Amino acid sequence: MILYLLKFTLCSATLLLFYKLVLEREKLLRFNRFYLLGSLVLALVLPLISFEIPSEQASLLITPNYLSVDESTSFVVNSVYNASKTTTSEGMA
C-alpha cells in the first residue's frame, strides 16, 4: 500500500509539474479542466500497471564461448554470434 501511494504521489507530481510549467498560462479553460481530471485518473491507474523490461542473459554479453575444432585451431564465438578464428602457437611449427 505504501508503494502504491509513493507511485501515485510521483505520478501526480509529475503531471502537475507539467501543468504548472506548460498549461497554466493557456486560455483553454475547458482543456485545462479535462487535463487536470484526466491526470488524476491517470495517476490513480498507472501505479496499478506493472511494466517488465526483458533482460538478456548476462553470460552472452560478458563471457565469450570457446569451441575447439582440433589442437591447433580454436574459435571464439562473440556475443553477436560471429566466429573469429584464432591459431595457437603450437600449431604453427
Protein backbone atom coordinates (compact mmCIF):
# COMPACT_ATOMS: atom_id res chain seq x y z
CA MET A 1 0.00 0.00 0.00
CA ILE A 2 2.86 2.38 0.79
CA LEU A 3 4.48 1.60 -2.57
CA TYR A 4 1.21 2.43 -4.35
CA LEU A 5 1.00 5.75 -2.51
CA LEU A 6 4.57 6.60 -3.45
CA LYS A 7 3.93 5.78 -7.11
CA PHE A 8 0.68 7.78 -7.06
CA THR A 9 2.43 10.77 -5.50
CA LEU A 10 5.29 10.66 -8.00
CA CYS A 11 2.94 10.34 -10.97
CA SER A 12 0.59 13.09 -9.83
CA ALA A 13 3.52 15.39 -9.00
CA THR A 14 4.95 14.85 -12.50
CA LEU A 15 1.63 15.58 -14.18
CA LEU A 16 1.03 18.63 -12.00
CA LEU A 17 4.52 19.95 -12.72
CA PHE A 18 3.83 19.61 -16.45
CA TYR A 19 0.57 21.51 -15.94
CA LYS A 20 2.27 24.30 -14.00
CA LEU A 21 5.11 24.69 -16.49
CA VAL A 22 3.19 24.37 -19.76
CA LEU A 23 -0.57 24.58 -19.45
CA GLU A 24 -1.31 27.02 -16.63
CA ARG A 25 -0.95 30.14 -18.78
CA GLU A 26 -3.11 28.77 -21.59
CA LYS A 27 -6.57 30.27 -22.06
CA LEU A 28 -8.15 26.92 -22.95
CA LEU A 29 -10.04 26.55 -19.67
CA ARG A 30 -12.08 23.52 -20.76
CA PHE A 31 -8.94 21.67 -21.91
CA ASN A 32 -7.15 22.53 -18.66
CA ARG A 33 -10.09 21.24 -16.65
CA PHE A 34 -10.15 17.94 -18.53
CA TYR A 35 -6.36 17.65 -18.28
CA LEU A 36 -6.47 18.02 -14.50
CA LEU A 37 -9.31 15.50 -14.16
CA GLY A 38 -7.62 13.09 -16.57
CA SER A 39 -4.28 13.41 -14.81
CA LEU A 40 -5.94 12.50 -11.52
CA VAL A 41 -7.47 9.37 -13.07
CA LEU A 42 -4.18 8.54 -14.80
CA ALA A 43 -2.24 8.95 -11.55
CA LEU A 44 -4.68 6.54 -9.86
CA VAL A 45 -4.45 3.90 -12.61
CA LEU A 46 -0.77 3.99 -13.64
CA PRO A 47 0.63 2.62 -10.35
CA LEU A 48 -1.58 -0.45 -10.76
CA ILE A 49 0.05 -1.39 -14.08
CA SER A 50 3.33 -3.28 -13.88
CA PHE A 51 5.89 -2.87 -16.63
CA GLU A 52 8.51 -5.54 -17.26
CA ILE A 53 11.61 -4.97 -19.33
CA PRO A 54 13.09 -8.26 -20.55
CA SER A 55 16.77 -8.60 -19.86
CA GLU A 56 19.21 -10.54 -21.95
CA GLN A 57 21.32 -13.29 -20.48
CA ALA A 58 24.39 -11.81 -18.87
CA SER A 59 26.59 -14.73 -19.89
CA LEU A 60 26.13 -13.95 -23.58
CA LEU A 61 27.20 -10.35 -23.09
CA ILE A 62 30.15 -10.87 -20.75
CA THR A 63 31.97 -14.11 -21.44
CA PRO A 64 32.86 -15.46 -24.90
CA ASN A 65 32.29 -19.15 -25.63
CA TYR A 66 35.23 -21.18 -26.90
CA LEU A 67 34.83 -24.00 -29.41
CA SER A 68 37.77 -26.27 -30.20
CA VAL A 69 37.97 -27.92 -33.60
CA ASP A 70 41.37 -29.56 -33.07
CA GLU A 71 44.51 -28.86 -31.03
CA SER A 72 45.87 -26.13 -33.32
CA THR A 73 42.69 -24.18 -34.06
CA SER A 74 40.02 -22.75 -31.79
CA PHE A 75 37.09 -20.43 -32.41
CA VAL A 76 35.84 -17.64 -30.20
CA VAL A 77 32.10 -17.04 -30.51
CA ASN A 78 31.31 -13.37 -29.82
CA SER A 79 28.10 -12.09 -28.27
CA VAL A 80 26.80 -11.23 -31.75
CA TYR A 81 27.38 -14.83 -32.82
CA ASN A 82 30.27 -14.08 -35.20
CA ALA A 83 33.04 -16.65 -35.14
CA SER A 84 36.60 -15.41 -35.29
CA LYS A 85 39.38 -17.91 -35.99
CA THR A 86 42.44 -17.94 -33.77
CA THR A 87 45.51 -20.15 -34.17
CA THR A 88 47.67 -21.24 -31.27
CA SER A 89 51.48 -21.03 -31.36
CA GLU A 90 51.80 -24.84 -31.03
CA GLY A 91 50.08 -25.44 -34.36
CA MET A 92 52.40 -23.06 -36.22
CA ALA A 93 55.53 -25.18 -36.47
